[in-house]
PDB file of N, CA and C in Angstrom:
ATOM      1  N   MET A   1      95.444 100.212 114.743  1.00  0.00           N
ATOM      2  CA  MET A   1      94.834  98.819 114.629  1.00  0.00           C
ATOM      3  C   MET A   1      95.791  97.837 115.294  1.00  0.00           C
ATOM      4  N   ASP A   2      95.225  96.965 116.017  1.00  0.00           N
ATOM      5  CA  ASP A   2      95.999  95.861 116.615  1.00  0.00           C
ATOM      6  C   ASP A   2      95.951  94.605 115.685  1.00  0.00           C
ATOM      7  N   TYR A   3      97.109  94.206 115.253  1.00  0.00           N
ATOM      8  CA  TYR A   3      97.175  93.012 114.372  1.00  0.00           C
ATOM      9  C   TYR A   3      97.352  91.762 115.194  1.00  0.00           C
ATOM     10  N   ASP A   4      96.359  90.917 115.069  1.00  0.00           N
ATOM     11  CA  ASP A   4      96.344  89.720 115.894  1.00  0.00           C
ATOM     12  C   ASP A   4      97.402  88.673 115.263  1.00  0.00           C
ATOM     13  N   ASP A   5      97.543  87.588 116.010  1.00  0.00           N
ATOM     14  CA  ASP A   5      98.585  86.599 115.561  1.00  0.00           C
ATOM     15  C   ASP A   5      98.163  85.870 114.287  1.00  0.00           C
ATOM     16  N   LYS A   6      96.862  85.780 114.051  1.00  0.00           N
ATOM     17  CA  LYS A   6      96.376  85.125 112.789  1.00  0.00           C
ATOM     18  C   LYS A   6      96.796  85.995 111.544  1.00  0.00           C
ATOM     19  N   ILE A   7      96.750  87.341 111.643  1.00  0.00           N
ATOM     20  CA  ILE A   7      97.127  88.062 110.453  1.00  0.00           C
ATOM     21  C   ILE A   7      98.713  88.079 110.301  1.00  0.00           C
ATOM     22  N   LYS A   8      99.382  88.126 111.556  1.00  0.00           N
ATOM     23  CA  LYS A   8     100.839  88.051 111.473  1.00  0.00           C
ATOM     24  C   LYS A   8     101.302  86.717 110.814  1.00  0.00           C
ATOM     25  N   ASN A   9     100.583  85.676 111.222  1.00  0.00           N
ATOM     26  CA  ASN A   9     101.003  84.332 110.710  1.00  0.00           C
ATOM     27  C   ASN A   9     100.770  84.246 109.202  1.00  0.00           C
ATOM     28  N   ARG A  10      99.624  84.901 108.714  1.00  0.00           N
ATOM     29  CA  ARG A  10      99.466  84.950 107.340  1.00  0.00           C
ATOM     30  C   ARG A  10     100.679  85.486 106.535  1.00  0.00           C
ATOM     31  N   VAL A  11     101.127  86.593 107.078  1.00  0.00           N
ATOM     32  CA  VAL A  11     102.342  87.339 106.426  1.00  0.00           C
ATOM     33  C   VAL A  11     103.523  86.497 106.564  1.00  0.00           C
ATOM     34  N   LYS A  12     103.701  85.784 107.659  1.00  0.00           N
ATOM     35  CA  LYS A  12     104.874  84.855 107.691  1.00  0.00           C
ATOM     36  C   LYS A  12     104.795  83.836 106.732  1.00  0.00           C
ATOM     37  N   ARG A  13     103.553  83.248 106.559  1.00  0.00           N
ATOM     38  CA  ARG A  13     103.421  82.198 105.465  1.00  0.00           C
ATOM     39  C   ARG A  13     103.820  82.764 104.070  1.00  0.00           C
ATOM     40  N   ILE A  14     103.370  83.909 103.802  1.00  0.00           N
ATOM     41  CA  ILE A  14     103.568  84.549 102.545  1.00  0.00           C
ATOM     42  C   ILE A  14     105.125  84.786 102.401  1.00  0.00           C
ATOM     43  N   GLU A  15     105.779  85.185 103.469  1.00  0.00           N
ATOM     44  CA  GLU A  15     107.260  85.427 103.415  1.00  0.00           C
ATOM     45  C   GLU A  15     107.948  84.029 103.102  1.00  0.00           C
ATOM     46  N   GLY A  16     107.497  82.984 103.672  1.00  0.00           N
ATOM     47  CA  GLY A  16     107.977  81.693 103.338  1.00  0.00           C
ATOM     48  C   GLY A  16     107.789  81.238 101.895  1.00  0.00           C
ATOM     49  N   GLN A  17     106.657  81.557 101.445  1.00  0.00           N
ATOM     50  CA  GLN A  17     106.333  81.277  99.970  1.00  0.00           C
ATOM     51  C   GLN A  17     107.332  82.083  99.102  1.00  0.00           C
ATOM     52  N   LEU A  18     107.471  83.377  99.445  1.00  0.00           N
ATOM     53  CA  LEU A  18     108.417  84.171  98.623  1.00  0.00           C
ATOM     54  C   LEU A  18     109.857  83.648  98.670  1.00  0.00           C
ATOM     55  N   ARG A  19     110.255  83.177  99.798  1.00  0.00           N
ATOM     56  CA  ARG A  19     111.609  82.523  99.942  1.00  0.00           C
ATOM     57  C   ARG A  19     111.674  81.355  99.050  1.00  0.00           C
ATOM     58  N   GLY A  20     110.667  80.512  99.140  1.00  0.00           N
ATOM     59  CA  GLY A  20     110.549  79.277  98.276  1.00  0.00           C
ATOM     60  C   GLY A  20     110.644  79.577  96.842  1.00  0.00           C
ATOM     61  N   ILE A  21     109.936  80.635  96.446  1.00  0.00           N
ATOM     62  CA  ILE A  21     109.952  81.000  95.008  1.00  0.00           C
ATOM     63  C   ILE A  21     111.338  81.524  94.631  1.00  0.00           C
ATOM     64  N   LEU A  22     111.982  82.300  95.374  1.00  0.00           N
ATOM     65  CA  LEU A  22     113.367  82.742  95.136  1.00  0.00           C
ATOM     66  C   LEU A  22     114.255  81.528  95.076  1.00  0.00           C
ATOM     67  N   ARG A  23     114.197  80.515  95.919  1.00  0.00           N
ATOM     68  CA  ARG A  23     114.960  79.414  95.881  1.00  0.00           C
ATOM     69  C   ARG A  23     114.735  78.601  94.505  1.00  0.00           C
ATOM     70  N   MET A  24     113.406  78.549  94.164  1.00  0.00           N
ATOM     71  CA  MET A  24     113.065  77.909  92.835  1.00  0.00           C
ATOM     72  C   MET A  24     113.767  78.580  91.700  1.00  0.00           C
ATOM     73  N   MET A  25     113.828  79.849  91.729  1.00  0.00           N
ATOM     74  CA  MET A  25     114.443  80.689  90.681  1.00  0.00           C
ATOM     75  C   MET A  25     115.986  80.431  90.565  1.00  0.00           C
ATOM     76  N   GLU A  26     116.527  80.339  91.834  1.00  0.00           N
ATOM     77  CA  GLU A  26     117.929  80.106  91.915  1.00  0.00           C
ATOM     78  C   GLU A  26     118.374  78.715  91.449  1.00  0.00           C
ATOM     79  N   GLU A  27     117.382  77.787  91.537  1.00  0.00           N
ATOM     80  CA  GLU A  27     117.679  76.421  91.109  1.00  0.00           C
ATOM     81  C   GLU A  27     117.134  76.180  89.674  1.00  0.00           C
ATOM     82  N   ASN A  28     116.784  77.300  89.035  1.00  0.00           N
ATOM     83  CA  ASN A  28     116.383  77.262  87.636  1.00  0.00           C
ATOM     84  C   ASN A  28     115.214  76.235  87.394  1.00  0.00           C
ATOM     85  N   LYS A  29     114.213  76.341  88.280  1.00  0.00           N
ATOM     86  CA  LYS A  29     112.997  75.416  88.136  1.00  0.00           C
ATOM     87  C   LYS A  29     112.233  75.932  86.921  1.00  0.00           C
ATOM     88  N   ASP A  30     111.330  75.085  86.460  1.00  0.00           N
ATOM     89  CA  ASP A  30     110.458  75.336  85.346  1.00  0.00           C
ATOM     90  C   ASP A  30     109.638  76.653  85.557  1.00  0.00           C
ATOM     91  N   CYS A  31     109.554  77.471  84.603  1.00  0.00           N
ATOM     92  CA  CYS A  31     108.887  78.715  84.722  1.00  0.00           C
ATOM     93  C   CYS A  31     107.367  78.580  85.113  1.00  0.00           C
ATOM     94  N   LYS A  32     106.773  77.489  84.542  1.00  0.00           N
ATOM     95  CA  LYS A  32     105.343  77.302  85.014  1.00  0.00           C
ATOM     96  C   LYS A  32     105.251  77.053  86.491  1.00  0.00           C
ATOM     97  N   ASP A  33     106.074  76.285  87.018  1.00  0.00           N
ATOM     98  CA  ASP A  33     106.101  76.134  88.563  1.00  0.00           C
ATOM     99  C   ASP A  33     106.264  77.324  89.329  1.00  0.00           C
ATOM    100  N   VAL A  34     107.222  78.171  88.810  1.00  0.00           N
ATOM    101  CA  VAL A  34     107.513  79.508  89.396  1.00  0.00           C
ATOM    102  C   VAL A  34     106.297  80.417  89.371  1.00  0.00           C
ATOM    103  N   ILE A  35     105.643  80.498  88.197  1.00  0.00           N
ATOM    104  CA  ILE A  35     104.506  81.267  88.025  1.00  0.00           C
ATOM    105  C   ILE A  35     103.334  80.779  88.846  1.00  0.00           C
ATOM    106  N   THR A  36     103.208  79.481  89.004  1.00  0.00           N
ATOM    107  CA  THR A  36     102.139  78.961  89.877  1.00  0.00           C
ATOM    108  C   THR A  36     102.384  79.415  91.256  1.00  0.00           C
ATOM    109  N   GLN A  37     103.550  79.421  91.759  1.00  0.00           N
ATOM    110  CA  GLN A  37     103.869  79.765  93.145  1.00  0.00           C
ATOM    111  C   GLN A  37     103.723  81.311  93.312  1.00  0.00           C
ATOM    112  N   LEU A  38     104.093  82.081  92.313  1.00  0.00           N
ATOM    113  CA  LEU A  38     103.942  83.502  92.293  1.00  0.00           C
ATOM    114  C   LEU A  38     102.462  83.882  92.441  1.00  0.00           C
ATOM    115  N   SER A  39     101.559  83.184  91.589  1.00  0.00           N
ATOM    116  CA  SER A  39     100.138  83.394  91.692  1.00  0.00           C
ATOM    117  C   SER A  39      99.633  83.034  93.033  1.00  0.00           C
ATOM    118  N   ALA A  40     100.066  81.931  93.635  1.00  0.00           N
ATOM    119  CA  ALA A  40      99.604  81.639  94.982  1.00  0.00           C
ATOM    120  C   ALA A  40      99.969  82.601  95.988  1.00  0.00           C
ATOM    121  N   ALA A  41     101.165  83.193  95.905  1.00  0.00           N
ATOM    122  CA  ALA A  41     101.639  84.253  96.851  1.00  0.00           C
ATOM    123  C   ALA A  41     100.745  85.452  96.649  1.00  0.00           C
ATOM    124  N   ARG A  42     100.460  85.860  95.367  1.00  0.00           N
ATOM    125  CA  ARG A  42      99.709  87.021  95.147  1.00  0.00           C
ATOM    126  C   ARG A  42      98.317  86.792  95.705  1.00  0.00           C
ATOM    127  N   THR A  43      97.749  85.633  95.529  1.00  0.00           N
ATOM    128  CA  THR A  43      96.366  85.316  96.077  1.00  0.00           C
ATOM    129  C   THR A  43      96.395  85.519  97.627  1.00  0.00           C
ATOM    130  N   ALA A  44      97.418  84.977  98.296  1.00  0.00           N
ATOM    131  CA  ALA A  44      97.591  84.997  99.692  1.00  0.00           C
ATOM    132  C   ALA A  44      97.691  86.489 100.148  1.00  0.00           C
ATOM    133  N   ILE A  45      98.410  87.331  99.383  1.00  0.00           N
ATOM    134  CA  ILE A  45      98.547  88.719  99.733  1.00  0.00           C
ATOM    135  C   ILE A  45      97.200  89.376  99.535  1.00  0.00           C
ATOM    136  N   ASP A  46      96.548  89.106  98.528  1.00  0.00           N
ATOM    137  CA  ASP A  46      95.217  89.757  98.212  1.00  0.00           C
ATOM    138  C   ASP A  46      94.266  89.373  99.408  1.00  0.00           C
ATOM    139  N   ARG A  47      94.214  88.146  99.889  1.00  0.00           N
ATOM    140  CA  ARG A  47      93.309  87.710 100.958  1.00  0.00           C
ATOM    141  C   ARG A  47      93.764  88.395 102.228  1.00  0.00           C
ATOM    142  N   THR A  48      94.995  88.546 102.479  1.00  0.00           N
ATOM    143  CA  THR A  48      95.448  89.177 103.697  1.00  0.00           C
ATOM    144  C   THR A  48      95.056  90.697 103.644  1.00  0.00           C
ATOM    145  N   ILE A  49      95.182  91.368 102.572  1.00  0.00           N
ATOM    146  CA  ILE A  49      94.741  92.718 102.472  1.00  0.00           C
ATOM    147  C   ILE A  49      93.224  92.818 102.829  1.00  0.00           C
ATOM    148  N   GLY A  50      92.382  91.867 102.240  1.00  0.00           N
ATOM    149  CA  GLY A  50      91.023  91.879 102.634  1.00  0.00           C
ATOM    150  C   GLY A  50      90.714  91.696 104.042  1.00  0.00           C
ATOM    151  N   VAL A  51      91.536  90.825 104.753  1.00  0.00           N
ATOM    152  CA  VAL A  51      91.404  90.583 106.104  1.00  0.00           C
ATOM    153  C   VAL A  51      91.685  91.864 106.950  1.00  0.00           C
ATOM    154  N   VAL A  52      92.807  92.486 106.498  1.00  0.00           N
ATOM    155  CA  VAL A  52      93.185  93.689 107.297  1.00  0.00           C
ATOM    156  C   VAL A  52      92.266  94.838 107.169  1.00  0.00           C
ATOM    157  N   VAL A  53      91.778  94.998 105.874  1.00  0.00           N
ATOM    158  CA  VAL A  53      90.726  96.094 105.615  1.00  0.00           C
ATOM    159  C   VAL A  53      89.456  95.781 106.364  1.00  0.00           C
ATOM    160  N   SER A  54      89.048  94.566 106.232  1.00  0.00           N
ATOM    161  CA  SER A  54      87.786  94.304 106.880  1.00  0.00           C
ATOM    162  C   SER A  54      87.813  94.344 108.420  1.00  0.00           C
ATOM    163  N   SER A  55      88.926  93.868 108.949  1.00  0.00           N
ATOM    164  CA  SER A  55      89.054  93.965 110.480  1.00  0.00           C
ATOM    165  C   SER A  55      89.095  95.413 110.878  1.00  0.00           C
ATOM    166  N   ASN A  56      89.818  96.193 110.165  1.00  0.00           N
ATOM    167  CA  ASN A  56      89.968  97.613 110.470  1.00  0.00           C
ATOM    168  C   ASN A  56      88.662  98.320 110.302  1.00  0.00           C
ATOM    169  N   LEU A  57      87.800  97.969 109.221  1.00  0.00           N
ATOM    170  CA  LEU A  57      86.606  98.575 108.984  1.00  0.00           C
ATOM    171  C   LEU A  57      85.644  98.275 110.214  1.00  0.00           C
ATOM    172  N   VAL A  58      85.640  97.058 110.599  1.00  0.00           N
ATOM    173  CA  VAL A  58      84.739  96.687 111.702  1.00  0.00           C
ATOM    174  C   VAL A  58      85.012  97.488 112.958  1.00  0.00           C
ATOM    175  N   GLU A  59      86.354  97.567 113.346  1.00  0.00           N
ATOM    176  CA  GLU A  59      86.760  98.308 114.394  1.00  0.00           C
ATOM    177  C   GLU A  59      86.484  99.835 114.272  1.00  0.00           C
ATOM    178  N   CYS A  60      86.795 100.437 113.134  1.00  0.00           N
ATOM    179  CA  CYS A  60      86.445 101.770 112.972  1.00  0.00           C
ATOM    180  C   CYS A  60      84.939 102.180 112.922  1.00  0.00           C
ATOM    181  N   VAL A  61      84.179 101.281 112.325  1.00  0.00           N
ATOM    182  CA  VAL A  61      82.708 101.515 112.329  1.00  0.00           C
ATOM    183  C   VAL A  61      82.208 101.413 113.785  1.00  0.00           C
ATOM    184  N   ARG A  62      82.669 100.534 114.546  1.00  0.00           N
ATOM    185  CA  ARG A  62      82.184 100.410 115.967  1.00  0.00           C
ATOM    186  C   ARG A  62      82.595 101.680 116.717  1.00  0.00           C
ATOM    187  N   ASN A  63      83.834 102.035 116.600  1.00  0.00           N
ATOM    188  CA  ASN A  63      84.341 103.260 117.292  1.00  0.00           C
ATOM    189  C   ASN A  63      83.463 104.520 116.779  1.00  0.00           C
ATOM    190  N   ALA A  64      83.287 104.688 115.468  1.00  0.00           N
ATOM    191  CA  ALA A  64      82.526 105.808 115.025  1.00  0.00           C
ATOM    192  C   ALA A  64      81.041 105.772 115.488  1.00  0.00           C
ATOM    193  N   ASP A  65      80.402 104.522 115.486  1.00  0.00           N
ATOM    194  CA  ASP A  65      79.110 104.352 115.919  1.00  0.00           C
ATOM    195  C   ASP A  65      78.933 104.719 117.356  1.00  0.00           C
ATOM    196  N   GLU A  66      79.876 104.354 118.172  1.00  0.00           N
ATOM    197  CA  GLU A  66      79.819 104.674 119.593  1.00  0.00           C
ATOM    198  C   GLU A  66      79.864 106.210 119.866  1.00  0.00           C
ATOM    199  N   LYS A  67      80.563 106.934 118.960  1.00  0.00           N
ATOM    200  CA  LYS A  67      80.763 108.319 119.083  1.00  0.00           C
ATOM    201  C   LYS A  67      79.583 109.110 118.298  1.00  0.00           C
ATOM    202  N   GLY A  68      78.652 108.307 117.674  1.00  0.00           N
ATOM    203  CA  GLY A  68      77.705 108.930 116.980  1.00  0.00           C
ATOM    204  C   GLY A  68      77.975 109.564 115.615  1.00  0.00           C
ATOM    205  N   GLU A  69      79.200 109.115 115.077  1.00  0.00           N
ATOM    206  CA  GLU A  69      79.675 109.739 113.847  1.00  0.00           C
ATOM    207  C   GLU A  69      79.126 108.937 112.705  1.00  0.00           C
ATOM    208  N   ASN A  70      79.060 109.551 111.535  1.00  0.00           N
ATOM    209  CA  ASN A  70      78.716 108.910 110.217  1.00  0.00           C
ATOM    210  C   ASN A  70      79.671 107.877 109.817  1.00  0.00           C
ATOM    211  N   THR A  71      79.257 106.686 109.564  1.00  0.00           N
ATOM    212  CA  THR A  71      80.129 105.556 109.273  1.00  0.00           C
ATOM    213  C   THR A  71      80.224 105.392 107.639  1.00  0.00           C
ATOM    214  N   GLU A  72      79.373 106.102 106.934  1.00  0.00           N
ATOM    215  CA  GLU A  72      79.379 105.932 105.451  1.00  0.00           C
ATOM    216  C   GLU A  72      80.822 106.182 104.805  1.00  0.00           C
ATOM    217  N   GLU A  73      81.428 107.332 105.369  1.00  0.00           N
ATOM    218  CA  GLU A  73      82.710 107.653 104.792  1.00  0.00           C
ATOM    219  C   GLU A  73      83.779 106.537 105.024  1.00  0.00           C
ATOM    220  N   LEU A  74      83.677 105.931 106.133  1.00  0.00           N
ATOM    221  CA  LEU A  74      84.596 104.824 106.537  1.00  0.00           C
ATOM    222  C   LEU A  74      84.496 103.730 105.550  1.00  0.00           C
ATOM    223  N   VAL A  75      83.242 103.356 105.276  1.00  0.00           N
ATOM    224  CA  VAL A  75      83.008 102.196 104.369  1.00  0.00           C
ATOM    225  C   VAL A  75      83.563 102.562 102.943  1.00  0.00           C
ATOM    226  N   LYS A  76      83.284 103.856 102.508  1.00  0.00           N
ATOM    227  CA  LYS A  76      83.834 104.224 101.248  1.00  0.00           C
ATOM    228  C   LYS A  76      85.378 104.157 101.164  1.00  0.00           C
ATOM    229  N   GLU A  77      85.978 104.620 102.236  1.00  0.00           N
ATOM    230  CA  GLU A  77      87.458 104.598 102.307  1.00  0.00           C
ATOM    231  C   GLU A  77      87.943 103.146 102.250  1.00  0.00           C
ATOM    232  N   ALA A  78      87.289 102.260 102.929  1.00  0.00           N
ATOM    233  CA  ALA A  78      87.663 100.811 102.959  1.00  0.00           C
ATOM    234  C   ALA A  78      87.595 100.244 101.507  1.00  0.00           C
ATOM    235  N   VAL A  79      86.474 100.579 100.891  1.00  0.00           N
ATOM    236  CA  VAL A  79      86.296 100.003  99.494  1.00  0.00           C
ATOM    237  C   VAL A  79      87.381 100.605  98.580  1.00  0.00           C
ATOM    238  N   ASN A  80      87.748 101.856  98.767  1.00  0.00           N
ATOM    239  CA  ASN A  80      88.780 102.467  97.942  1.00  0.00           C
ATOM    240  C   ASN A  80      90.087 101.788  98.229  1.00  0.00           C
ATOM    241  N   LEU A  81      90.423 101.454  99.446  1.00  0.00           N
ATOM    242  CA  LEU A  81      91.620 100.709  99.782  1.00  0.00           C
ATOM    243  C   LEU A  81      91.693  99.407  99.040  1.00  0.00           C
ATOM    244  N   LEU A  82      90.617  98.657  99.081  1.00  0.00           N
ATOM    245  CA  LEU A  82      90.623  97.466  98.309  1.00  0.00           C
ATOM    246  C   LEU A  82      90.666  97.596  96.817  1.00  0.00           C
ATOM    247  N   VAL A  83      90.084  98.553  96.234  1.00  0.00           N
ATOM    248  CA  VAL A  83      90.145  98.730  94.832  1.00  0.00           C
ATOM    249  C   VAL A  83      91.581  99.122  94.486  1.00  0.00           C
ATOM    250  N   LYS A  84      92.232  99.998  95.314  1.00  0.00           N
ATOM    251  CA  LYS A  84      93.645 100.362  94.916  1.00  0.00           C
ATOM    252  C   LYS A  84      94.576  99.211  95.075  1.00  0.00           C
ATOM    253  N   SER A  85      94.234  98.235  95.905  1.00  0.00           N
ATOM    254  CA  SER A  85      95.147  97.125  96.169  1.00  0.00           C
ATOM    255  C   SER A  85      95.202  96.182  94.965  1.00  0.00           C
ATOM    256  N   ARG A  86      94.308  96.275  94.035  1.00  0.00           N
ATOM    257  CA  ARG A  86      94.260  95.470  92.801  1.00  0.00           C
ATOM    258  C   ARG A  86      94.895  96.115  91.634  1.00  0.00           C
TER     259      ARG A  86
END
């Protein structure tokens, strides 16, 4: 799969969030603020997983359809990846 700049930028933003959280911990910031930022990072990761899986699914289904292959198994695999990520 080819990862476009949008997906890479999402991961870079998450990386920045995580660095910020670590800095907050080193500065002994309030735990509620740290938890809020951790939750935001987790949400960003979950959304990125969804984008990667859905983009990959679209690409795989198109390729399989062009070859006349059954796409049902691909969809099941994508759903399983999403379920496992939670």
